[in-house]
Amino acid sequence: MNDDGLLEVGGVVFYWRGPAPFYYLRVPEAAAAYIHDVASQVTYGWGMIPVAAKIGSTRFTTALFPKDGGYLVPLKTAVRQAEGIDLDEEVTVELELGGS
């Protein structure tokens, strides 16, 4: 967590072909543990954690998706296009938990 109260996480963009195909960024284990500790204070149900997020100069809202004991950050098409983000690319995202 930085001085602004934002959680900065990085990872590699991947595509999940599940029931709802989408591009995601997996939250690293240490950050996921912190999120898990505060989840009950910010969740709106089903383990979803609302966040205000920023990648580069693009700000957006989404909800962290619980998966395999961690969390995934969904990357909207508009965000990926605005920032030129491709599959398998390393990206960093700032997250404000509970943000809207």
PDB file of N, CA and C in Angstrom:
ATOM      1  N   MET A   1       0.869  -1.170   0.000  1.00  0.00           N
ATOM      2  CA  MET A   1       0.000   0.000   0.000  1.00  0.00           C
ATOM      3  C   MET A   1       0.912   1.228   0.000  1.00  0.00           C
ATOM      4  N   ASN A   2       0.617   2.187  -0.876  1.00  0.00           N
ATOM      5  CA  ASN A   2       1.451   3.384  -0.911  1.00  0.00           C
ATOM      6  C   ASN A   2       0.892   4.457   0.025  1.00  0.00           C
ATOM      7  N   ASP A   3       1.539   5.613   0.067  1.00  0.00           N
ATOM      8  CA  ASP A   3       1.146   6.690   0.981  1.00  0.00           C
ATOM      9  C   ASP A   3      -0.244   7.248   0.687  1.00  0.00           C
ATOM     10  N   ASP A   4      -0.738   7.059  -0.526  1.00  0.00           N
ATOM     11  CA  ASP A   4      -2.067   7.549  -0.905  1.00  0.00           C
ATOM     12  C   ASP A   4      -3.174   6.556  -0.558  1.00  0.00           C
ATOM     13  N   GLY A   5      -2.811   5.435   0.070  1.00  0.00           N
ATOM     14  CA  GLY A   5      -3.802   4.415   0.395  1.00  0.00           C
ATOM     15  C   GLY A   5      -4.150   3.525  -0.783  1.00  0.00           C
ATOM     16  N   LEU A   6      -3.337   3.578  -1.823  1.00  0.00           N
ATOM     17  CA  LEU A   6      -3.575   2.756  -3.011  1.00  0.00           C
ATOM     18  C   LEU A   6      -2.690   1.519  -2.970  1.00  0.00           C
ATOM     19  N   LEU A   7      -3.218   0.436  -3.447  1.00  0.00           N
ATOM     20  CA  LEU A   7      -2.478  -0.812  -3.535  1.00  0.00           C
ATOM     21  C   LEU A   7      -1.968  -0.925  -4.967  1.00  0.00           C
ATOM     22  N   GLU A   8      -0.661  -0.998  -5.139  1.00  0.00           N
ATOM     23  CA  GLU A   8      -0.075  -1.098  -6.472  1.00  0.00           C
ATOM     24  C   GLU A   8       0.344  -2.541  -6.707  1.00  0.00           C
ATOM     25  N   VAL A   9      -0.193  -3.140  -7.755  1.00  0.00           N
ATOM     26  CA  VAL A   9       0.129  -4.533  -8.063  1.00  0.00           C
ATOM     27  C   VAL A   9       0.521  -4.655  -9.528  1.00  0.00           C
ATOM     28  N   GLY A  10       1.355  -5.625  -9.804  1.00  0.00           N
ATOM     29  CA  GLY A  10       1.784  -5.872 -11.169  1.00  0.00           C
ATOM     30  C   GLY A  10       1.658  -7.341 -11.501  1.00  0.00           C
ATOM     31  N   GLY A  11       1.553  -7.618 -12.770  1.00  0.00           N
ATOM     32  CA  GLY A  11       1.458  -8.999 -13.209  1.00  0.00           C
ATOM     33  C   GLY A  11       1.341  -9.078 -14.716  1.00  0.00           C
ATOM     34  N   VAL A  12       1.177 -10.283 -15.195  1.00  0.00           N
ATOM     35  CA  VAL A  12       1.098 -10.552 -16.625  1.00  0.00           C
ATOM     36  C   VAL A  12      -0.367 -10.736 -17.024  1.00  0.00           C
ATOM     37  N   VAL A  13      -0.755 -10.079 -18.094  1.00  0.00           N
ATOM     38  CA  VAL A  13      -2.125 -10.166 -18.603  1.00  0.00           C
ATOM     39  C   VAL A  13      -2.351 -11.551 -19.216  1.00  0.00           C
ATOM     40  N   PHE A  14      -3.465 -12.167 -18.815  1.00  0.00           N
ATOM     41  CA  PHE A  14      -3.815 -13.455 -19.408  1.00  0.00           C
ATOM     42  C   PHE A  14      -5.284 -13.466 -19.809  1.00  0.00           C
ATOM     43  N   TYR A  15      -5.613 -14.397 -20.680  1.00  0.00           N
ATOM     44  CA  TYR A  15      -6.977 -14.546 -21.195  1.00  0.00           C
ATOM     45  C   TYR A  15      -7.569 -15.811 -20.604  1.00  0.00           C
ATOM     46  N   TRP A  16      -8.738 -15.680 -20.003  1.00  0.00           N
ATOM     47  CA  TRP A  16      -9.430 -16.830 -19.431  1.00  0.00           C
ATOM     48  C   TRP A  16     -10.623 -17.161 -20.312  1.00  0.00           C
ATOM     49  N   ARG A  17     -10.702 -18.382 -20.770  1.00  0.00           N
ATOM     50  CA  ARG A  17     -11.771 -18.805 -21.682  1.00  0.00           C
ATOM     51  C   ARG A  17     -12.922 -19.474 -20.937  1.00  0.00           C
ATOM     52  N   GLY A  18     -13.122 -19.117 -19.686  1.00  0.00           N
ATOM     53  CA  GLY A  18     -14.186 -19.711 -18.883  1.00  0.00           C
ATOM     54  C   GLY A  18     -15.559 -19.308 -19.385  1.00  0.00           C
ATOM     55  N   PRO A  19     -16.569 -19.492 -18.532  1.00  0.00           N
ATOM     56  CA  PRO A  19     -17.939 -19.167 -18.921  1.00  0.00           C
ATOM     57  C   PRO A  19     -18.099 -17.706 -19.353  1.00  0.00           C
ATOM     58  N   ALA A  20     -17.242 -16.842 -18.815  1.00  0.00           N
ATOM     59  CA  ALA A  20     -17.256 -15.430 -19.207  1.00  0.00           C
ATOM     60  C   ALA A  20     -15.841 -15.067 -19.656  1.00  0.00           C
ATOM     61  N   PRO A  21     -15.492 -15.319 -20.925  1.00  0.00           N
ATOM     62  CA  PRO A  21     -14.123 -15.062 -21.386  1.00  0.00           C
ATOM     63  C   PRO A  21     -13.745 -13.595 -21.209  1.00  0.00           C
ATOM     64  N   PHE A  22     -12.532 -13.381 -20.723  1.00  0.00           N
ATOM     65  CA  PHE A  22     -12.113 -12.018 -20.417  1.00  0.00           C
ATOM     66  C   PHE A  22     -10.608 -11.996 -20.208  1.00  0.00           C
ATOM     67  N   TYR A  23     -10.019 -10.797 -20.230  1.00  0.00           N
ATOM     68  CA  TYR A  23      -8.611 -10.604 -19.912  1.00  0.00           C
ATOM     69  C   TYR A  23      -8.493 -10.202 -18.448  1.00  0.00           C
ATOM     70  N   TYR A  24      -7.482 -10.757 -17.775  1.00  0.00           N
ATOM     71  CA  TYR A  24      -7.293 -10.516 -16.346  1.00  0.00           C
ATOM     72  C   TYR A  24      -5.829 -10.303 -16.011  1.00  0.00           C
ATOM     73  N   LEU A  25      -5.633  -9.751 -14.822  1.00  0.00           N
ATOM     74  CA  LEU A  25      -4.323  -9.648 -14.196  1.00  0.00           C
ATOM     75  C   LEU A  25      -4.464 -10.313 -12.836  1.00  0.00           C
ATOM     76  N   ARG A  26      -3.605 -11.281 -12.519  1.00  0.00           N
ATOM     77  CA  ARG A  26      -3.661 -11.960 -11.227  1.00  0.00           C
ATOM     78  C   ARG A  26      -2.960 -11.095 -10.179  1.00  0.00           C
ATOM     79  N   VAL A  27      -3.636 -10.859  -9.052  1.00  0.00           N
ATOM     80  CA  VAL A  27      -3.053 -10.099  -7.950  1.00  0.00           C
ATOM     81  C   VAL A  27      -1.989 -10.974  -7.289  1.00  0.00           C
ATOM     82  N   PRO A  28      -0.760 -10.459  -7.102  1.00  0.00           N
ATOM     83  CA  PRO A  28       0.293 -11.245  -6.452  1.00  0.00           C
ATOM     84  C   PRO A  28      -0.122 -11.703  -5.050  1.00  0.00           C
ATOM     85  N   GLU A  29       0.478 -12.801  -4.608  1.00  0.00           N
ATOM     86  CA  GLU A  29       0.089 -13.460  -3.366  1.00  0.00           C
ATOM     87  C   GLU A  29       0.090 -12.539  -2.147  1.00  0.00           C
ATOM     88  N   ALA A  30       1.127 -11.735  -1.964  1.00  0.00           N
ATOM     89  CA  ALA A  30       1.202 -10.859  -0.785  1.00  0.00           C
ATOM     90  C   ALA A  30       0.066  -9.838  -0.786  1.00  0.00           C
ATOM     91  N   ALA A  31      -0.205  -9.246  -1.935  1.00  0.00           N
ATOM     92  CA  ALA A  31      -1.295  -8.272  -2.033  1.00  0.00           C
ATOM     93  C   ALA A  31      -2.643  -8.963  -1.855  1.00  0.00           C
ATOM     94  N   ALA A  32      -2.781 -10.180  -2.380  1.00  0.00           N
ATOM     95  CA  ALA A  32      -4.032 -10.929  -2.229  1.00  0.00           C
ATOM     96  C   ALA A  32      -4.298 -11.242  -0.760  1.00  0.00           C
ATOM     97  N   ALA A  33      -3.245 -11.526   0.004  1.00  0.00           N
ATOM     98  CA  ALA A  33      -3.404 -11.798   1.437  1.00  0.00           C
ATOM     99  C   ALA A  33      -3.920 -10.557   2.155  1.00  0.00           C
ATOM    100  N   TYR A  34      -3.383  -9.387   1.795  1.00  0.00           N
ATOM    101  CA  TYR A  34      -3.862  -8.132   2.393  1.00  0.00           C
ATOM    102  C   TYR A  34      -5.335  -7.907   2.030  1.00  0.00           C
ATOM    103  N   ILE A  35      -5.672  -8.084   0.772  1.00  0.00           N
ATOM    104  CA  ILE A  35      -7.057  -7.885   0.329  1.00  0.00           C
ATOM    105  C   ILE A  35      -7.986  -8.836   1.081  1.00  0.00           C
ATOM    106  N   HIS A  36      -7.571 -10.079   1.230  1.00  0.00           N
ATOM    107  CA  HIS A  36      -8.380 -11.058   1.956  1.00  0.00           C
ATOM    108  C   HIS A  36      -8.647 -10.589   3.384  1.00  0.00           C
ATOM    109  N   ASP A  37      -7.639  -9.979   4.020  1.00  0.00           N
ATOM    110  CA  ASP A  37      -7.785  -9.500   5.403  1.00  0.00           C
ATOM    111  C   ASP A  37      -8.816  -8.387   5.534  1.00  0.00           C
ATOM    112  N   VAL A  38      -8.969  -7.556   4.511  1.00  0.00           N
ATOM    113  CA  VAL A  38      -9.909  -6.429   4.587  1.00  0.00           C
ATOM    114  C   VAL A  38     -11.184  -6.664   3.774  1.00  0.00           C
ATOM    115  N   ALA A  39     -11.294  -7.818   3.149  1.00  0.00           N
ATOM    116  CA  ALA A  39     -12.406  -8.093   2.234  1.00  0.00           C
ATOM    117  C   ALA A  39     -13.772  -7.909   2.874  1.00  0.00           C
ATOM    118  N   SER A  40     -13.930  -8.334   4.108  1.00  0.00           N
ATOM    119  CA  SER A  40     -15.256  -8.250   4.740  1.00  0.00           C
ATOM    120  C   SER A  40     -15.724  -6.809   4.909  1.00  0.00           C
ATOM    121  N   GLN A  41     -14.791  -5.865   4.900  1.00  0.00           N
ATOM    122  CA  GLN A  41     -15.134  -4.451   5.058  1.00  0.00           C
ATOM    123  C   GLN A  41     -15.553  -3.796   3.746  1.00  0.00           C
ATOM    124  N   VAL A  42     -15.186  -4.403   2.620  1.00  0.00           N
ATOM    125  CA  VAL A  42     -15.419  -3.744   1.331  1.00  0.00           C
ATOM    126  C   VAL A  42     -16.204  -4.570   0.313  1.00  0.00           C
ATOM    127  N   THR A  43     -16.447  -5.842   0.576  1.00  0.00           N
ATOM    128  CA  THR A  43     -17.134  -6.681  -0.406  1.00  0.00           C
ATOM    129  C   THR A  43     -18.611  -6.318  -0.517  1.00  0.00           C
ATOM    130  N   TYR A  44     -19.176  -6.541  -1.691  1.00  0.00           N
ATOM    131  CA  TYR A  44     -20.615  -6.363  -1.850  1.00  0.00           C
ATOM    132  C   TYR A  44     -21.295  -7.719  -2.013  1.00  0.00           C
ATOM    133  N   GLY A  45     -20.571  -8.773  -1.751  1.00  0.00           N
ATOM    134  CA  GLY A  45     -21.123 -10.122  -1.813  1.00  0.00           C
ATOM    135  C   GLY A  45     -20.390 -10.997  -2.799  1.00  0.00           C
ATOM    136  N   TRP A  46     -20.538 -12.299  -2.632  1.00  0.00           N
ATOM    137  CA  TRP A  46     -19.916 -13.307  -3.494  1.00  0.00           C
ATOM    138  C   TRP A  46     -18.398 -13.157  -3.582  1.00  0.00           C
ATOM    139  N   GLY A  47     -17.789 -12.461  -2.624  1.00  0.00           N
ATOM    140  CA  GLY A  47     -16.348 -12.288  -2.624  1.00  0.00           C
ATOM    141  C   GLY A  47     -15.840 -11.204  -3.553  1.00  0.00           C
ATOM    142  N   MET A  48     -16.733 -10.534  -4.257  1.00  0.00           N
ATOM    143  CA  MET A  48     -16.332  -9.475  -5.184  1.00  0.00           C
ATOM    144  C   MET A  48     -15.919  -8.233  -4.396  1.00  0.00           C
ATOM    145  N   ILE A  49     -14.804  -7.630  -4.779  1.00  0.00           N
ATOM    146  CA  ILE A  49     -14.274  -6.448  -4.106  1.00  0.00           C
ATOM    147  C   ILE A  49     -14.304  -5.275  -5.086  1.00  0.00           C
ATOM    148  N   PRO A  50     -15.170  -4.275  -4.864  1.00  0.00           N
ATOM    149  CA  PRO A  50     -15.194  -3.127  -5.777  1.00  0.00           C
ATOM    150  C   PRO A  50     -13.902  -2.318  -5.642  1.00  0.00           C
ATOM    151  N   VAL A  51     -13.392  -1.847  -6.768  1.00  0.00           N
ATOM    152  CA  VAL A  51     -12.176  -1.034  -6.768  1.00  0.00           C
ATOM    153  C   VAL A  51     -12.285   0.095  -7.785  1.00  0.00           C
ATOM    154  N   ALA A  52     -11.606   1.188  -7.470  1.00  0.00           N
ATOM    155  CA  ALA A  52     -11.294   2.206  -8.461  1.00  0.00           C
ATOM    156  C   ALA A  52      -9.858   1.885  -8.864  1.00  0.00           C
ATOM    157  N   ALA A  53      -9.591   1.833 -10.142  1.00  0.00           N
ATOM    158  CA  ALA A  53      -8.288   1.391 -10.619  1.00  0.00           C
ATOM    159  C   ALA A  53      -7.703   2.388 -11.609  1.00  0.00           C
ATOM    160  N   LYS A  54      -6.375   2.294 -11.764  1.00  0.00           N
ATOM    161  CA  LYS A  54      -5.688   3.153 -12.729  1.00  0.00           C
ATOM    162  C   LYS A  54      -4.534   2.371 -13.341  1.00  0.00           C
ATOM    163  N   ILE A  55      -4.498   2.360 -14.661  1.00  0.00           N
ATOM    164  CA  ILE A  55      -3.369   1.826 -15.410  1.00  0.00           C
ATOM    165  C   ILE A  55      -2.914   2.941 -16.328  1.00  0.00           C
ATOM    166  N   GLY A  56      -1.652   3.342 -16.201  1.00  0.00           N
ATOM    167  CA  GLY A  56      -1.164   4.476 -16.984  1.00  0.00           C
ATOM    168  C   GLY A  56      -1.976   5.704 -16.644  1.00  0.00           C
ATOM    169  N   SER A  57      -2.588   6.324 -17.639  1.00  0.00           N
ATOM    170  CA  SER A  57      -3.424   7.503 -17.387  1.00  0.00           C
ATOM    171  C   SER A  57      -4.916   7.162 -17.424  1.00  0.00           C
ATOM    172  N   THR A  58      -5.232   5.879 -17.534  1.00  0.00           N
ATOM    173  CA  THR A  58      -6.626   5.450 -17.644  1.00  0.00           C
ATOM    174  C   THR A  58      -7.172   5.016 -16.289  1.00  0.00           C
ATOM    175  N   ARG A  59      -8.248   5.682 -15.882  1.00  0.00           N
ATOM    176  CA  ARG A  59      -8.932   5.336 -14.628  1.00  0.00           C
ATOM    177  C   ARG A  59     -10.216   4.593 -14.969  1.00  0.00           C
ATOM    178  N   PHE A  60     -10.544   3.601 -14.139  1.00  0.00           N
ATOM    179  CA  PHE A  60     -11.760   2.823 -14.370  1.00  0.00           C
ATOM    180  C   PHE A  60     -12.215   2.175 -13.068  1.00  0.00           C
ATOM    181  N   THR A  61     -13.452   1.727 -13.055  1.00  0.00           N
ATOM    182  CA  THR A  61     -13.966   0.981 -11.914  1.00  0.00           C
ATOM    183  C   THR A  61     -14.225  -0.448 -12.352  1.00  0.00           C
ATOM    184  N   THR A  62     -14.046  -1.353 -11.414  1.00  0.00           N
ATOM    185  CA  THR A  62     -14.289  -2.769 -11.663  1.00  0.00           C
ATOM    186  C   THR A  62     -14.442  -3.447 -10.314  1.00  0.00           C
ATOM    187  N   ALA A  63     -14.439  -4.745 -10.305  1.00  0.00           N
ATOM    188  CA  ALA A  63     -14.485  -5.501  -9.055  1.00  0.00           C
ATOM    189  C   ALA A  63     -13.505  -6.661  -9.162  1.00  0.00           C
ATOM    190  N   LEU A  64     -12.699  -6.836  -8.121  1.00  0.00           N
ATOM    191  CA  LEU A  64     -11.781  -7.963  -8.083  1.00  0.00           C
ATOM    192  C   LEU A  64     -12.594  -9.247  -7.996  1.00  0.00           C
ATOM    193  N   PHE A  65     -12.168 -10.228  -8.727  1.00  0.00           N
ATOM    194  CA  PHE A  65     -12.859 -11.502  -8.868  1.00  0.00           C
ATOM    195  C   PHE A  65     -12.076 -12.556  -8.078  1.00  0.00           C
ATOM    196  N   PRO A  66     -12.693 -13.207  -7.070  1.00  0.00           N
ATOM    197  CA  PRO A  66     -11.955 -14.226  -6.316  1.00  0.00           C
ATOM    198  C   PRO A  66     -11.740 -15.483  -7.160  1.00  0.00           C
ATOM    199  N   LYS A  67     -10.510 -16.016  -7.123  1.00  0.00           N
ATOM    200  CA  LYS A  67     -10.196 -17.219  -7.911  1.00  0.00           C
ATOM    201  C   LYS A  67      -9.027 -17.949  -7.263  1.00  0.00           C
ATOM    202  N   ASP A  68      -9.233 -19.211  -6.918  1.00  0.00           N
ATOM    203  CA  ASP A  68      -8.179 -20.077  -6.388  1.00  0.00           C
ATOM    204  C   ASP A  68      -7.455 -19.471  -5.187  1.00  0.00           C
ATOM    205  N   GLY A  69      -8.196 -18.866  -4.275  1.00  0.00           N
ATOM    206  CA  GLY A  69      -7.610 -18.303  -3.064  1.00  0.00           C
ATOM    207  C   GLY A  69      -6.986 -16.934  -3.251  1.00  0.00           C
ATOM    208  N   GLY A  70      -7.015 -16.405  -4.453  1.00  0.00           N
ATOM    209  CA  GLY A  70      -6.471 -15.076  -4.732  1.00  0.00           C
ATOM    210  C   GLY A  70      -7.527 -14.219  -5.404  1.00  0.00           C
ATOM    211  N   TYR A  71      -7.065 -13.214  -6.131  1.00  0.00           N
ATOM    212  CA  TYR A  71      -7.989 -12.299  -6.804  1.00  0.00           C
ATOM    213  C   TYR A  71      -7.488 -11.996  -8.207  1.00  0.00           C
ATOM    214  N   LEU A  72      -8.441 -11.759  -9.105  1.00  0.00           N
ATOM    215  CA  LEU A  72      -8.138 -11.343 -10.468  1.00  0.00           C
ATOM    216  C   LEU A  72      -8.678  -9.943 -10.690  1.00  0.00           C
ATOM    217  N   VAL A  73      -7.926  -9.132 -11.443  1.00  0.00           N
ATOM    218  CA  VAL A  73      -8.372  -7.802 -11.847  1.00  0.00           C
ATOM    219  C   VAL A  73      -8.864  -7.914 -13.289  1.00  0.00           C
ATOM    220  N   PRO A  74     -10.168  -7.756 -13.528  1.00  0.00           N
ATOM    221  CA  PRO A  74     -10.666  -7.779 -14.907  1.00  0.00           C
ATOM    222  C   PRO A  74     -10.175  -6.539 -15.662  1.00  0.00           C
ATOM    223  N   LEU A  75      -9.694  -6.738 -16.873  1.00  0.00           N
ATOM    224  CA  LEU A  75      -9.190  -5.628 -17.683  1.00  0.00           C
ATOM    225  C   LEU A  75     -10.148  -5.383 -18.844  1.00  0.00           C
ATOM    226  N   LYS A  76     -10.923  -4.330 -18.727  1.00  0.00           N
ATOM    227  CA  LYS A  76     -11.918  -3.988 -19.746  1.00  0.00           C
ATOM    228  C   LYS A  76     -11.249  -3.708 -21.088  1.00  0.00           C
ATOM    229  N   THR A  77     -11.968  -4.013 -22.153  1.00  0.00           N
ATOM    230  CA  THR A  77     -11.455  -3.775 -23.499  1.00  0.00           C
ATOM    231  C   THR A  77     -11.061  -2.318 -23.689  1.00  0.00           C
ATOM    232  N   ALA A  78     -11.888  -1.389 -23.231  1.00  0.00           N
ATOM    233  CA  ALA A  78     -11.593   0.042 -23.399  1.00  0.00           C
ATOM    234  C   ALA A  78     -10.289   0.422 -22.706  1.00  0.00           C
ATOM    235  N   VAL A  79     -10.022  -0.160 -21.553  1.00  0.00           N
ATOM    236  CA  VAL A  79      -8.784   0.125 -20.811  1.00  0.00           C
ATOM    237  C   VAL A  79      -7.592  -0.452 -21.566  1.00  0.00           C
ATOM    238  N   ARG A  80      -7.710  -1.698 -22.009  1.00  0.00           N
ATOM    239  CA  ARG A  80      -6.608  -2.327 -22.740  1.00  0.00           C
ATOM    240  C   ARG A  80      -6.289  -1.567 -24.021  1.00  0.00           C
ATOM    241  N   GLN A  81      -7.321  -1.129 -24.721  1.00  0.00           N
ATOM    242  CA  GLN A  81      -7.096  -0.383 -25.962  1.00  0.00           C
ATOM    243  C   GLN A  81      -6.475   0.978 -25.680  1.00  0.00           C
ATOM    244  N   ALA A  82      -6.974   1.679 -24.675  1.00  0.00           N
ATOM    245  CA  ALA A  82      -6.458   3.015 -24.348  1.00  0.00           C
ATOM    246  C   ALA A  82      -4.987   2.973 -23.957  1.00  0.00           C
ATOM    247  N   GLU A  83      -4.573   1.901 -23.282  1.00  0.00           N
ATOM    248  CA  GLU A  83      -3.193   1.797 -22.798  1.00  0.00           C
ATOM    249  C   GLU A  83      -2.322   0.889 -23.668  1.00  0.00           C
ATOM    250  N   GLY A  84      -2.879   0.366 -24.752  1.00  0.00           N
ATOM    251  CA  GLY A  84      -2.111  -0.495 -25.651  1.00  0.00           C
ATOM    252  C   GLY A  84      -1.636  -1.777 -24.981  1.00  0.00           C
ATOM    253  N   ILE A  85      -2.479  -2.360 -24.135  1.00  0.00           N
ATOM    254  CA  ILE A  85      -2.117  -3.558 -23.373  1.00  0.00           C
ATOM    255  C   ILE A  85      -2.465  -4.802 -24.176  1.00  0.00           C
ATOM    256  N   ASP A  86      -1.485  -5.713 -24.279  1.00  0.00           N
ATOM    257  CA  ASP A  86      -1.667  -6.952 -25.022  1.00  0.00           C
ATOM    258  C   ASP A  86      -1.571  -8.165 -24.104  1.00  0.00           C
ATOM    259  N   LEU A  87      -2.022  -9.278 -24.590  1.00  0.00           N
ATOM    260  CA  LEU A  87      -1.916 -10.558 -23.912  1.00  0.00           C
ATOM    261  C   LEU A  87      -0.453 -10.834 -23.564  1.00  0.00           C
ATOM    262  N   ASP A  88      -0.205 -11.380 -22.388  1.00  0.00           N
ATOM    263  CA  ASP A  88       1.131 -11.753 -21.899  1.00  0.00           C
ATOM    264  C   ASP A  88       2.024 -10.558 -21.583  1.00  0.00           C
ATOM    265  N   GLU A  89       1.464  -9.364 -21.575  1.00  0.00           N
ATOM    266  CA  GLU A  89       2.239  -8.167 -21.241  1.00  0.00           C
ATOM    267  C   GLU A  89       2.242  -7.949 -19.731  1.00  0.00           C
ATOM    268  N   GLU A  90       3.362  -7.480 -19.200  1.00  0.00           N
ATOM    269  CA  GLU A  90       3.490  -7.130 -17.780  1.00  0.00           C
ATOM    270  C   GLU A  90       2.920  -5.729 -17.590  1.00  0.00           C
ATOM    271  N   VAL A  91       1.964  -5.583 -16.673  1.00  0.00           N
ATOM    272  CA  VAL A  91       1.372  -4.275 -16.391  1.00  0.00           C
ATOM    273  C   VAL A  91       1.287  -4.054 -14.884  1.00  0.00           C
ATOM    274  N   THR A  92       1.186  -2.781 -14.516  1.00  0.00           N
ATOM    275  CA  THR A  92       1.011  -2.386 -13.120  1.00  0.00           C
ATOM    276  C   THR A  92      -0.294  -1.622 -13.010  1.00  0.00           C
ATOM    277  N   VAL A  93      -1.059  -1.929 -11.975  1.00  0.00           N
ATOM    278  CA  VAL A  93      -2.340  -1.263 -11.743  1.00  0.00           C
ATOM    279  C   VAL A  93      -2.386  -0.762 -10.307  1.00  0.00           C
ATOM    280  N   GLU A  94      -2.906   0.455 -10.129  1.00  0.00           N
ATOM    281  CA  GLU A  94      -3.160   0.998  -8.797  1.00  0.00           C
ATOM    282  C   GLU A  94      -4.612   0.705  -8.454  1.00  0.00           C
ATOM    283  N   LEU A  95      -4.845   0.178  -7.250  1.00  0.00           N
ATOM    284  CA  LEU A  95      -6.190  -0.188  -6.820  1.00  0.00           C
ATOM    285  C   LEU A  95      -6.575   0.564  -5.556  1.00  0.00           C
ATOM    286  N   GLU A  96      -7.759   1.137  -5.559  1.00  0.00           N
ATOM    287  CA  GLU A  96      -8.346   1.713  -4.358  1.00  0.00           C
ATOM    288  C   GLU A  96      -9.491   0.783  -3.960  1.00  0.00           C
ATOM    289  N   LEU A  97      -9.267   0.002  -2.905  1.00  0.00           N
ATOM    290  CA  LEU A  97     -10.273  -0.966  -2.479  1.00  0.00           C
ATOM    291  C   LEU A  97     -11.528  -0.263  -2.008  1.00  0.00           C
ATOM    292  N   GLY A  98     -12.668  -0.760  -2.446  1.00  0.00           N
ATOM    293  CA  GLY A  98     -13.944  -0.155  -2.085  1.00  0.00           C
ATOM    294  C   GLY A  98     -14.244   1.109  -2.859  1.00  0.00           C
ATOM    295  N   GLY A  99     -13.337   1.497  -3.751  1.00  0.00           N
ATOM    296  CA  GLY A  99     -13.500   2.731  -4.524  1.00  0.00           C
ATOM    297  C   GLY A  99     -14.566   2.606  -5.586  1.00  0.00           C
ATOM    298  N   SER A 100     -15.076   3.764  -5.977  1.00  0.00           N
ATOM    299  CA  SER A 100     -16.082   3.755  -7.041  1.00  0.00           C
ATOM    300  C   SER A 100     -15.929   4.969  -7.920  1.00  0.00           C
TER     301      SER A 100
END
